[in-house]
Amino acid sequence: MTGLLIAFEGLDQSGKQTQAEGVKAHLVARGRECHLLSFPDYATPIGSEISKALHGEREYGPDVMQLMYVANRYEKRIDMERALQEGLVLVCDRYLASSIAYGEAQGLDASWLRDMQRYLPRPDLTILLDIAPETAVARKAAGRDRYERDLALLSRVRQSYQHQAAHDGWLHLNGERPRDAVSADVVSAVEKLLGPR
């Protein structure tokens, strides 16, 4: 059985974690072993540094932040490759495209952001849960980090995601709809990826 890598992308509060957990439950019920990953992973040394920067304890430029986000994924690369070789399904809450979206929104070069991630495992499917920045803010009124407070930045992030989602290997979903409607589309796409039982 071949392993699969499914990534959820979108603004914060777009439902990525909820849908990732739903996919895992669906896959387990179907008899597939599935692991959830969330990036950034704050439990690693680089992840801990990212957390400090997001909460104002460190001051880094956008380029350094994206280098750390990418390095945080590379910290997990060997484990991810091993899991995929063993036939597991990996479901990521944020992955490669988020560095491109947030980096590009801050004036960084998209091809540089893409290129530095070229040795990471490629997703078989990337699902964009597309919501308006205003929706993201309304869904999380308190405790927002530095990115979550900047509506203009979030609008540019959304535009980058929409542009990326026009390519093959993406599913672009309206994340403003009821959770069950989004889940039905997600499960349908995952079933196509898995093929016949």
N, C-alpha and C. Protein backbone atom coordinates (compact mmCIF):
# COMPACT_ATOMS: atom_id res chain seq x y z
N MET A 1 0.84 -1.19 0.00
CA MET A 1 0.00 0.00 0.00
C MET A 1 0.88 1.24 0.00
N THR A 2 0.57 2.15 -0.93
CA THR A 2 1.38 3.37 -0.95
C THR A 2 0.91 4.36 0.09
N GLY A 3 1.88 5.06 0.67
CA GLY A 3 1.53 6.12 1.61
C GLY A 3 0.97 7.31 0.86
N LEU A 4 0.25 8.15 1.58
CA LEU A 4 -0.33 9.35 0.99
C LEU A 4 -0.09 10.53 1.92
N LEU A 5 0.06 11.69 1.32
CA LEU A 5 0.25 12.92 2.09
C LEU A 5 -0.82 13.91 1.67
N ILE A 6 -1.66 14.29 2.62
CA ILE A 6 -2.75 15.23 2.37
C ILE A 6 -2.50 16.46 3.24
N ALA A 7 -2.52 17.63 2.63
CA ALA A 7 -2.26 18.87 3.38
C ALA A 7 -3.48 19.77 3.36
N PHE A 8 -3.82 20.33 4.50
CA PHE A 8 -4.87 21.35 4.59
C PHE A 8 -4.22 22.71 4.71
N GLU A 9 -4.71 23.66 3.92
CA GLU A 9 -4.18 25.02 3.94
C GLU A 9 -5.34 26.01 4.08
N GLY A 10 -5.00 27.21 4.51
CA GLY A 10 -6.01 28.26 4.65
C GLY A 10 -5.65 29.16 5.81
N LEU A 11 -6.40 30.22 5.96
CA LEU A 11 -6.19 31.15 7.07
C LEU A 11 -6.49 30.44 8.39
N ASP A 12 -6.01 31.02 9.48
CA ASP A 12 -6.36 30.49 10.79
C ASP A 12 -7.88 30.55 10.95
N GLN A 13 -8.42 29.58 11.66
CA GLN A 13 -9.87 29.46 11.91
C GLN A 13 -10.66 29.05 10.66
N SER A 14 -9.98 28.53 9.64
CA SER A 14 -10.70 28.09 8.43
C SER A 14 -11.23 26.66 8.58
N GLY A 15 -10.87 25.99 9.68
CA GLY A 15 -11.38 24.63 9.91
C GLY A 15 -10.38 23.55 9.58
N LYS A 16 -9.10 23.91 9.41
CA LYS A 16 -8.08 22.92 9.01
C LYS A 16 -7.97 21.77 10.00
N GLN A 17 -7.86 22.10 11.28
CA GLN A 17 -7.68 21.05 12.29
C GLN A 17 -8.92 20.15 12.36
N THR A 18 -10.10 20.75 12.34
CA THR A 18 -11.35 20.00 12.39
C THR A 18 -11.45 19.02 11.21
N GLN A 19 -11.14 19.53 10.01
CA GLN A 19 -11.24 18.67 8.82
C GLN A 19 -10.15 17.61 8.81
N ALA A 20 -8.95 17.96 9.29
CA ALA A 20 -7.86 16.98 9.35
C ALA A 20 -8.24 15.83 10.29
N GLU A 21 -8.83 16.17 11.44
CA GLU A 21 -9.26 15.14 12.39
C GLU A 21 -10.38 14.28 11.79
N GLY A 22 -11.27 14.91 11.03
CA GLY A 22 -12.35 14.17 10.36
C GLY A 22 -11.81 13.19 9.33
N VAL A 23 -10.81 13.62 8.57
CA VAL A 23 -10.19 12.74 7.57
C VAL A 23 -9.51 11.56 8.27
N LYS A 24 -8.83 11.85 9.36
CA LYS A 24 -8.18 10.76 10.10
C LYS A 24 -9.21 9.73 10.56
N ALA A 25 -10.30 10.19 11.14
CA ALA A 25 -11.35 9.28 11.61
C ALA A 25 -11.91 8.44 10.45
N HIS A 26 -12.10 9.09 9.31
CA HIS A 26 -12.62 8.39 8.12
C HIS A 26 -11.63 7.31 7.65
N LEU A 27 -10.35 7.68 7.61
CA LEU A 27 -9.33 6.73 7.14
C LEU A 27 -9.18 5.55 8.10
N VAL A 28 -9.19 5.82 9.39
CA VAL A 28 -9.06 4.75 10.38
C VAL A 28 -10.25 3.79 10.25
N ALA A 29 -11.46 4.35 10.06
CA ALA A 29 -12.64 3.50 9.88
C ALA A 29 -12.53 2.66 8.61
N ARG A 30 -11.78 3.14 7.67
CA ARG A 30 -11.57 2.43 6.40
C ARG A 30 -10.41 1.44 6.50
N GLY A 31 -9.75 1.42 7.67
CA GLY A 31 -8.67 0.46 7.88
C GLY A 31 -7.28 0.94 7.52
N ARG A 32 -7.15 2.27 7.33
CA ARG A 32 -5.83 2.81 7.00
C ARG A 32 -5.20 3.45 8.23
N GLU A 33 -3.89 3.24 8.39
CA GLU A 33 -3.19 3.91 9.49
C GLU A 33 -2.91 5.35 9.06
N CYS A 34 -3.18 6.27 9.97
CA CYS A 34 -3.09 7.69 9.62
C CYS A 34 -2.47 8.47 10.77
N HIS A 35 -1.56 9.38 10.45
CA HIS A 35 -0.96 10.26 11.46
C HIS A 35 -1.29 11.70 11.12
N LEU A 36 -1.63 12.48 12.14
CA LEU A 36 -1.85 13.92 11.96
C LEU A 36 -0.57 14.67 12.30
N LEU A 37 -0.23 15.64 11.45
CA LEU A 37 0.90 16.53 11.71
C LEU A 37 0.37 17.96 11.65
N SER A 38 0.95 18.81 12.48
CA SER A 38 0.55 20.21 12.44
C SER A 38 1.82 21.06 12.39
N PHE A 39 1.85 21.99 11.43
CA PHE A 39 3.00 22.89 11.30
C PHE A 39 2.55 24.32 11.52
N PRO A 40 3.35 25.12 12.25
CA PRO A 40 4.60 24.73 12.88
C PRO A 40 4.37 23.76 14.04
N ASP A 41 5.38 22.89 14.26
CA ASP A 41 5.38 21.97 15.38
C ASP A 41 6.19 22.63 16.49
N TYR A 42 5.48 23.18 17.47
CA TYR A 42 6.14 23.97 18.52
C TYR A 42 6.94 23.11 19.50
N ALA A 43 6.84 21.77 19.40
CA ALA A 43 7.54 20.88 20.33
C ALA A 43 9.02 20.69 19.96
N THR A 44 9.42 21.11 18.76
CA THR A 44 10.81 20.94 18.34
C THR A 44 11.61 22.19 18.74
N PRO A 45 12.96 22.10 18.71
CA PRO A 45 13.77 23.29 19.05
C PRO A 45 13.45 24.50 18.16
N ILE A 46 13.33 24.28 16.86
CA ILE A 46 13.03 25.40 15.95
C ILE A 46 11.59 25.88 16.16
N GLY A 47 10.69 24.94 16.40
CA GLY A 47 9.29 25.29 16.66
C GLY A 47 9.14 26.18 17.89
N SER A 48 9.93 25.90 18.91
CA SER A 48 9.90 26.70 20.13
C SER A 48 10.33 28.14 19.85
N GLU A 49 11.32 28.29 19.00
CA GLU A 49 11.81 29.63 18.61
C GLU A 49 10.73 30.37 17.81
N ILE A 50 10.02 29.64 16.93
CA ILE A 50 8.93 30.24 16.14
C ILE A 50 7.85 30.77 17.09
N SER A 51 7.50 29.96 18.08
CA SER A 51 6.47 30.35 19.05
C SER A 51 6.85 31.64 19.77
N LYS A 52 8.10 31.74 20.16
CA LYS A 52 8.56 32.96 20.84
C LYS A 52 8.43 34.18 19.92
N ALA A 53 8.78 33.99 18.65
CA ALA A 53 8.69 35.11 17.69
C ALA A 53 7.24 35.52 17.47
N LEU A 54 6.34 34.54 17.38
CA LEU A 54 4.92 34.85 17.13
C LEU A 54 4.29 35.59 18.31
N HIS A 55 4.85 35.38 19.50
CA HIS A 55 4.27 36.01 20.68
C HIS A 55 5.09 37.20 21.20
N GLY A 56 5.94 37.74 20.30
CA GLY A 56 6.63 38.99 20.60
C GLY A 56 7.86 38.89 21.47
N GLU A 57 8.35 37.68 21.74
CA GLU A 57 9.56 37.53 22.56
C GLU A 57 10.84 37.64 21.73
N ARG A 58 10.70 37.51 20.42
CA ARG A 58 11.84 37.62 19.50
C ARG A 58 11.41 38.51 18.34
N GLU A 59 12.40 39.11 17.69
CA GLU A 59 12.10 39.95 16.53
C GLU A 59 12.90 39.47 15.34
N TYR A 60 12.24 38.85 14.36
CA TYR A 60 12.90 38.37 13.15
C TYR A 60 12.21 38.97 11.93
N GLY A 61 12.97 39.16 10.86
CA GLY A 61 12.38 39.60 9.60
C GLY A 61 11.58 38.47 8.96
N PRO A 62 10.73 38.82 7.95
CA PRO A 62 9.91 37.82 7.28
C PRO A 62 10.74 36.68 6.67
N ASP A 63 11.93 37.01 6.13
CA ASP A 63 12.76 35.96 5.51
C ASP A 63 13.24 34.96 6.57
N VAL A 64 13.68 35.44 7.72
CA VAL A 64 14.15 34.55 8.78
C VAL A 64 12.99 33.71 9.31
N MET A 65 11.81 34.32 9.45
CA MET A 65 10.64 33.56 9.91
C MET A 65 10.33 32.40 8.96
N GLN A 66 10.34 32.69 7.65
CA GLN A 66 10.01 31.62 6.70
C GLN A 66 11.10 30.56 6.66
N LEU A 67 12.36 30.96 6.81
CA LEU A 67 13.44 29.96 6.90
C LEU A 67 13.21 29.04 8.10
N MET A 68 12.74 29.61 9.20
CA MET A 68 12.47 28.79 10.39
C MET A 68 11.27 27.87 10.17
N TYR A 69 10.22 28.40 9.54
CA TYR A 69 9.05 27.55 9.25
C TYR A 69 9.46 26.35 8.38
N VAL A 70 10.25 26.62 7.37
CA VAL A 70 10.68 25.55 6.46
C VAL A 70 11.60 24.57 7.20
N ALA A 71 12.53 25.12 8.00
CA ALA A 71 13.43 24.25 8.78
C ALA A 71 12.64 23.37 9.74
N ASN A 72 11.55 23.90 10.28
CA ASN A 72 10.68 23.14 11.18
C ASN A 72 10.08 21.92 10.47
N ARG A 73 9.76 22.08 9.18
CA ARG A 73 9.26 20.92 8.40
C ARG A 73 10.39 19.93 8.13
N TYR A 74 11.58 20.46 7.84
CA TYR A 74 12.73 19.56 7.61
C TYR A 74 13.07 18.76 8.88
N GLU A 75 12.78 19.31 10.05
CA GLU A 75 13.01 18.55 11.29
C GLU A 75 12.18 17.25 11.28
N LYS A 76 11.08 17.26 10.55
CA LYS A 76 10.17 16.10 10.52
C LYS A 76 10.33 15.25 9.26
N ARG A 77 11.21 15.68 8.36
CA ARG A 77 11.29 15.04 7.04
C ARG A 77 11.56 13.54 7.10
N ILE A 78 12.56 13.11 7.86
CA ILE A 78 12.93 11.68 7.88
C ILE A 78 11.77 10.84 8.40
N ASP A 79 11.12 11.31 9.47
CA ASP A 79 9.97 10.57 10.01
C ASP A 79 8.84 10.50 8.99
N MET A 80 8.62 11.59 8.27
CA MET A 80 7.55 11.62 7.27
C MET A 80 7.86 10.65 6.13
N GLU A 81 9.10 10.67 5.65
CA GLU A 81 9.47 9.77 4.55
C GLU A 81 9.32 8.31 4.97
N ARG A 82 9.73 8.02 6.19
CA ARG A 82 9.62 6.63 6.69
C ARG A 82 8.15 6.20 6.75
N ALA A 83 7.31 7.07 7.29
CA ALA A 83 5.88 6.76 7.41
C ALA A 83 5.25 6.52 6.04
N LEU A 84 5.60 7.35 5.06
CA LEU A 84 5.05 7.20 3.71
C LEU A 84 5.52 5.90 3.07
N GLN A 85 6.80 5.55 3.29
CA GLN A 85 7.33 4.28 2.76
C GLN A 85 6.61 3.08 3.37
N GLU A 86 6.16 3.24 4.61
CA GLU A 86 5.45 2.15 5.29
C GLU A 86 3.97 2.11 4.94
N GLY A 87 3.53 3.00 4.06
CA GLY A 87 2.14 2.97 3.59
C GLY A 87 1.15 3.77 4.44
N LEU A 88 1.66 4.58 5.35
CA LEU A 88 0.75 5.38 6.19
C LEU A 88 0.21 6.57 5.41
N VAL A 89 -0.90 7.09 5.90
CA VAL A 89 -1.43 8.35 5.37
C VAL A 89 -1.07 9.45 6.37
N LEU A 90 -0.42 10.49 5.88
CA LEU A 90 -0.08 11.65 6.71
C LEU A 90 -1.04 12.79 6.35
N VAL A 91 -1.63 13.38 7.36
CA VAL A 91 -2.54 14.51 7.14
C VAL A 91 -1.94 15.72 7.87
N CYS A 92 -1.62 16.77 7.11
CA CYS A 92 -0.95 17.95 7.67
C CYS A 92 -1.90 19.13 7.79
N ASP A 93 -1.88 19.74 8.96
CA ASP A 93 -2.55 21.02 9.18
C ASP A 93 -1.47 22.07 8.90
N ARG A 94 -1.49 22.64 7.71
CA ARG A 94 -0.47 23.52 7.12
C ARG A 94 0.73 22.70 6.65
N TYR A 95 1.24 23.13 5.47
CA TYR A 95 2.44 22.46 4.97
C TYR A 95 3.17 23.42 4.03
N LEU A 96 3.62 22.95 2.89
CA LEU A 96 4.49 23.73 2.00
C LEU A 96 3.88 25.07 1.58
N ALA A 97 2.61 25.04 1.22
CA ALA A 97 1.97 26.22 0.63
C ALA A 97 1.85 27.38 1.60
N SER A 98 1.86 27.10 2.90
CA SER A 98 1.69 28.21 3.85
C SER A 98 2.90 29.13 3.85
N SER A 99 4.11 28.57 3.66
CA SER A 99 5.30 29.44 3.58
C SER A 99 5.22 30.33 2.35
N ILE A 100 4.73 29.76 1.25
CA ILE A 100 4.61 30.56 0.02
C ILE A 100 3.57 31.66 0.23
N ALA A 101 2.41 31.29 0.81
CA ALA A 101 1.33 32.27 0.99
C ALA A 101 1.73 33.40 1.94
N TYR A 102 2.24 33.04 3.12
CA TYR A 102 2.59 34.07 4.10
C TYR A 102 3.85 34.83 3.68
N GLY A 103 4.82 34.12 3.10
CA GLY A 103 6.05 34.78 2.65
C GLY A 103 5.78 35.75 1.53
N GLU A 104 5.02 35.29 0.53
CA GLU A 104 4.68 36.14 -0.61
C GLU A 104 3.90 37.37 -0.14
N ALA A 105 3.00 37.18 0.83
CA ALA A 105 2.20 38.29 1.37
C ALA A 105 3.08 39.34 2.05
N GLN A 106 4.30 38.93 2.44
CA GLN A 106 5.23 39.87 3.08
C GLN A 106 6.35 40.30 2.14
N GLY A 107 6.14 40.07 0.84
CA GLY A 107 7.08 40.58 -0.16
C GLY A 107 8.24 39.66 -0.51
N LEU A 108 8.20 38.41 -0.03
CA LEU A 108 9.28 37.47 -0.37
C LEU A 108 9.00 36.82 -1.71
N ASP A 109 10.05 36.29 -2.32
CA ASP A 109 9.95 35.69 -3.66
C ASP A 109 9.36 34.28 -3.57
N ALA A 110 8.24 34.07 -4.28
CA ALA A 110 7.54 32.77 -4.21
C ALA A 110 8.42 31.63 -4.70
N SER A 111 9.22 31.87 -5.74
CA SER A 111 10.04 30.77 -6.28
C SER A 111 11.15 30.39 -5.30
N TRP A 112 11.67 31.36 -4.54
CA TRP A 112 12.66 31.06 -3.49
C TRP A 112 12.02 30.20 -2.40
N LEU A 113 10.81 30.59 -1.99
CA LEU A 113 10.09 29.85 -0.95
C LEU A 113 9.75 28.43 -1.39
N ARG A 114 9.43 28.29 -2.68
CA ARG A 114 9.12 26.96 -3.24
C ARG A 114 10.38 26.11 -3.32
N ASP A 115 11.46 26.74 -3.80
CA ASP A 115 12.71 26.03 -4.06
C ASP A 115 13.33 25.45 -2.79
N MET A 116 13.29 26.22 -1.70
CA MET A 116 13.95 25.73 -0.47
C MET A 116 13.21 24.55 0.15
N GLN A 117 12.00 24.27 -0.34
CA GLN A 117 11.22 23.16 0.21
C GLN A 117 11.22 21.94 -0.72
N ARG A 118 12.05 21.99 -1.76
CA ARG A 118 11.94 20.96 -2.80
C ARG A 118 12.34 19.56 -2.34
N TYR A 119 13.07 19.43 -1.23
CA TYR A 119 13.46 18.10 -0.75
C TYR A 119 12.50 17.54 0.28
N LEU A 120 11.43 18.26 0.56
CA LEU A 120 10.41 17.75 1.48
C LEU A 120 9.42 16.89 0.69
N PRO A 121 8.79 15.90 1.34
CA PRO A 121 7.81 15.07 0.63
C PRO A 121 6.70 15.94 0.03
N ARG A 122 6.29 15.60 -1.20
CA ARG A 122 5.26 16.37 -1.90
C ARG A 122 3.88 15.88 -1.48
N PRO A 123 2.92 16.77 -1.32
CA PRO A 123 1.55 16.33 -1.03
C PRO A 123 0.92 15.65 -2.25
N ASP A 124 0.12 14.63 -2.00
CA ASP A 124 -0.69 14.02 -3.06
C ASP A 124 -1.93 14.87 -3.32
N LEU A 125 -2.36 15.58 -2.27
CA LEU A 125 -3.52 16.46 -2.39
C LEU A 125 -3.36 17.59 -1.38
N THR A 126 -3.59 18.81 -1.85
CA THR A 126 -3.62 19.97 -0.94
C THR A 126 -5.02 20.56 -1.00
N ILE A 127 -5.64 20.72 0.16
CA ILE A 127 -7.01 21.21 0.24
C ILE A 127 -7.00 22.61 0.84
N LEU A 128 -7.47 23.58 0.05
CA LEU A 128 -7.59 24.96 0.55
C LEU A 128 -8.98 25.16 1.11
N LEU A 129 -9.06 25.48 2.40
CA LEU A 129 -10.32 25.86 3.04
C LEU A 129 -10.35 27.38 3.04
N ASP A 130 -11.05 27.93 2.07
CA ASP A 130 -10.98 29.36 1.75
C ASP A 130 -12.02 30.15 2.54
N ILE A 131 -11.55 31.05 3.42
CA ILE A 131 -12.46 31.95 4.14
C ILE A 131 -11.93 33.38 4.03
N ALA A 132 -12.81 34.32 4.26
CA ALA A 132 -12.42 35.73 4.24
C ALA A 132 -11.65 36.06 5.52
N PRO A 133 -10.69 37.00 5.44
CA PRO A 133 -9.97 37.43 6.64
C PRO A 133 -10.91 37.87 7.77
N GLU A 134 -12.01 38.52 7.39
CA GLU A 134 -12.98 38.99 8.40
C GLU A 134 -13.59 37.82 9.16
N THR A 135 -13.82 36.71 8.44
CA THR A 135 -14.37 35.51 9.07
C THR A 135 -13.36 34.93 10.05
N ALA A 136 -12.08 34.90 9.63
CA ALA A 136 -11.02 34.39 10.50
C ALA A 136 -10.97 35.17 11.81
N VAL A 137 -11.08 36.50 11.70
CA VAL A 137 -11.01 37.36 12.88
C VAL A 137 -12.26 37.16 13.75
N ALA A 138 -13.42 37.05 13.11
CA ALA A 138 -14.67 36.87 13.87
C ALA A 138 -14.68 35.55 14.63
N ARG A 139 -14.04 34.52 14.05
CA ARG A 139 -14.03 33.20 14.69
C ARG A 139 -13.04 33.11 15.85
N LYS A 140 -12.10 34.05 15.90
CA LYS A 140 -11.12 34.04 17.00
C LYS A 140 -10.94 35.47 17.48
N ALA A 141 -11.77 35.85 18.43
CA ALA A 141 -11.78 37.24 18.88
C ALA A 141 -10.60 37.58 19.80
N ALA A 142 -10.10 36.58 20.53
CA ALA A 142 -9.03 36.87 21.51
C ALA A 142 -7.83 35.97 21.28
N GLY A 143 -6.68 36.41 21.79
CA GLY A 143 -5.48 35.56 21.74
C GLY A 143 -4.88 35.40 20.37
N ARG A 144 -5.09 36.39 19.49
CA ARG A 144 -4.54 36.28 18.14
C ARG A 144 -3.05 36.63 18.13
N ASP A 145 -2.27 35.89 17.30
CA ASP A 145 -0.84 36.21 17.19
C ASP A 145 -0.64 37.37 16.22
N ARG A 146 0.62 37.72 15.98
CA ARG A 146 0.92 38.93 15.19
C ARG A 146 0.36 38.86 13.77
N TYR A 147 0.33 37.67 13.16
CA TYR A 147 -0.21 37.54 11.80
C TYR A 147 -1.74 37.64 11.82
N GLU A 148 -2.34 37.04 12.83
CA GLU A 148 -3.80 36.98 12.89
C GLU A 148 -4.45 38.34 13.13
N ARG A 149 -3.66 39.32 13.54
CA ARG A 149 -4.21 40.66 13.82
C ARG A 149 -4.15 41.58 12.60
N ASP A 150 -3.50 41.16 11.53
CA ASP A 150 -3.23 42.04 10.39
C ASP A 150 -4.12 41.67 9.20
N LEU A 151 -5.26 42.38 9.07
CA LEU A 151 -6.25 42.05 8.03
C LEU A 151 -5.71 42.23 6.62
N ALA A 152 -4.91 43.27 6.40
CA ALA A 152 -4.36 43.51 5.05
C ALA A 152 -3.42 42.37 4.67
N LEU A 153 -2.60 41.94 5.63
CA LEU A 153 -1.70 40.81 5.38
C LEU A 153 -2.51 39.55 5.07
N LEU A 154 -3.56 39.30 5.86
CA LEU A 154 -4.38 38.10 5.65
C LEU A 154 -5.04 38.11 4.27
N SER A 155 -5.42 39.30 3.78
CA SER A 155 -6.01 39.40 2.43
C SER A 155 -4.99 38.98 1.38
N ARG A 156 -3.74 39.39 1.55
CA ARG A 156 -2.69 39.01 0.59
C ARG A 156 -2.37 37.52 0.70
N VAL A 157 -2.40 36.99 1.92
CA VAL A 157 -2.19 35.55 2.11
C VAL A 157 -3.28 34.78 1.37
N ARG A 158 -4.51 35.22 1.52
CA ARG A 158 -5.64 34.55 0.85
C ARG A 158 -5.46 34.57 -0.67
N GLN A 159 -5.05 35.72 -1.20
CA GLN A 159 -4.84 35.83 -2.66
C GLN A 159 -3.78 34.83 -3.13
N SER A 160 -2.70 34.69 -2.37
CA SER A 160 -1.64 33.75 -2.73
C SER A 160 -2.18 32.32 -2.71
N TYR A 161 -2.94 32.00 -1.67
CA TYR A 161 -3.54 30.65 -1.59
C TYR A 161 -4.44 30.39 -2.80
N GLN A 162 -5.27 31.37 -3.14
CA GLN A 162 -6.19 31.19 -4.27
C GLN A 162 -5.42 30.98 -5.57
N HIS A 163 -4.33 31.72 -5.73
CA HIS A 163 -3.49 31.59 -6.92
C HIS A 163 -2.86 30.19 -6.97
N GLN A 164 -2.32 29.74 -5.83
CA GLN A 164 -1.69 28.40 -5.77
C GLN A 164 -2.71 27.30 -6.04
N ALA A 165 -3.95 27.51 -5.54
CA ALA A 165 -4.98 26.47 -5.63
C ALA A 165 -5.50 26.27 -7.05
N ALA A 166 -5.08 27.15 -7.97
CA ALA A 166 -5.50 26.99 -9.37
C ALA A 166 -4.68 25.89 -10.06
N HIS A 167 -3.65 25.38 -9.39
CA HIS A 167 -2.78 24.35 -9.98
C HIS A 167 -3.28 22.95 -9.69
N ASP A 168 -2.75 21.99 -10.44
CA ASP A 168 -3.11 20.59 -10.24
C ASP A 168 -2.73 20.14 -8.83
N GLY A 169 -3.45 19.17 -8.33
CA GLY A 169 -3.14 18.63 -7.01
C GLY A 169 -3.78 19.39 -5.87
N TRP A 170 -4.64 20.37 -6.23
CA TRP A 170 -5.32 21.18 -5.22
C TRP A 170 -6.83 20.96 -5.30
N LEU A 171 -7.49 21.11 -4.16
CA LEU A 171 -8.95 21.17 -4.08
C LEU A 171 -9.27 22.47 -3.36
N HIS A 172 -10.00 23.36 -4.04
CA HIS A 172 -10.32 24.70 -3.49
C HIS A 172 -11.76 24.66 -2.99
N LEU A 173 -11.94 24.73 -1.67
CA LEU A 173 -13.28 24.64 -1.09
C LEU A 173 -13.65 25.94 -0.39
N ASN A 174 -14.92 26.28 -0.45
CA ASN A 174 -15.45 27.43 0.28
C ASN A 174 -15.60 27.03 1.74
N GLY A 175 -14.71 27.54 2.60
CA GLY A 175 -14.72 27.19 4.01
C GLY A 175 -15.73 27.96 4.84
N GLU A 176 -16.52 28.82 4.18
CA GLU A 176 -17.55 29.58 4.90
C GLU A 176 -18.82 28.73 5.08
N ARG A 177 -18.91 27.61 4.36
CA ARG A 177 -20.11 26.76 4.41
C ARG A 177 -20.17 25.97 5.72
N PRO A 178 -21.31 25.35 6.02
CA PRO A 178 -21.40 24.51 7.22
C PRO A 178 -20.34 23.40 7.20
N ARG A 179 -19.86 23.06 8.38
CA ARG A 179 -18.77 22.09 8.54
C ARG A 179 -19.07 20.76 7.82
N ASP A 180 -20.32 20.28 7.93
CA ASP A 180 -20.66 18.99 7.32
C ASP A 180 -20.57 19.01 5.80
N ALA A 181 -20.93 20.15 5.21
CA ALA A 181 -20.86 20.28 3.75
C ALA A 181 -19.40 20.26 3.30
N VAL A 182 -18.54 20.93 4.04
CA VAL A 182 -17.11 20.93 3.72
C VAL A 182 -16.56 19.52 3.89
N SER A 183 -16.92 18.86 4.99
CA SER A 183 -16.45 17.49 5.26
C SER A 183 -16.82 16.53 4.14
N ALA A 184 -18.03 16.66 3.63
CA ALA A 184 -18.49 15.76 2.56
C ALA A 184 -17.60 15.90 1.33
N ASP A 185 -17.24 17.14 0.98
CA ASP A 185 -16.37 17.38 -0.18
C ASP A 185 -14.96 16.85 0.08
N VAL A 186 -14.49 17.03 1.31
CA VAL A 186 -13.15 16.56 1.67
C VAL A 186 -13.09 15.04 1.57
N VAL A 187 -14.06 14.36 2.18
CA VAL A 187 -14.08 12.88 2.17
C VAL A 187 -14.18 12.35 0.75
N SER A 188 -14.99 12.99 -0.07
CA SER A 188 -15.15 12.58 -1.47
C SER A 188 -13.79 12.66 -2.20
N ALA A 189 -13.04 13.76 -1.98
CA ALA A 189 -11.72 13.93 -2.62
C ALA A 189 -10.73 12.89 -2.12
N VAL A 190 -10.77 12.61 -0.82
CA VAL A 190 -9.86 11.62 -0.24
C VAL A 190 -10.18 10.23 -0.78
N GLU A 191 -11.47 9.92 -0.93
CA GLU A 191 -11.87 8.61 -1.47
C GLU A 191 -11.34 8.42 -2.90
N LYS A 192 -11.39 9.49 -3.70
CA LYS A 192 -10.86 9.42 -5.07
C LYS A 192 -9.37 9.10 -5.04
N LEU A 193 -8.67 9.69 -4.10
CA LEU A 193 -7.23 9.49 -3.95
C LEU A 193 -6.92 8.04 -3.57
N LEU A 194 -7.76 7.49 -2.67
CA LEU A 194 -7.52 6.13 -2.18
C LEU A 194 -7.83 5.06 -3.22
N GLY A 195 -8.80 5.37 -4.09
CA GLY A 195 -9.18 4.37 -5.10
C GLY A 195 -10.12 3.34 -4.50
N PRO A 196 -10.45 2.29 -5.30
CA PRO A 196 -11.43 1.31 -4.83
C PRO A 196 -10.99 0.59 -3.57
N ARG A 197 -11.96 0.22 -2.75
CA ARG A 197 -11.66 -0.50 -1.50
C ARG A 197 -11.13 -1.88 -1.79
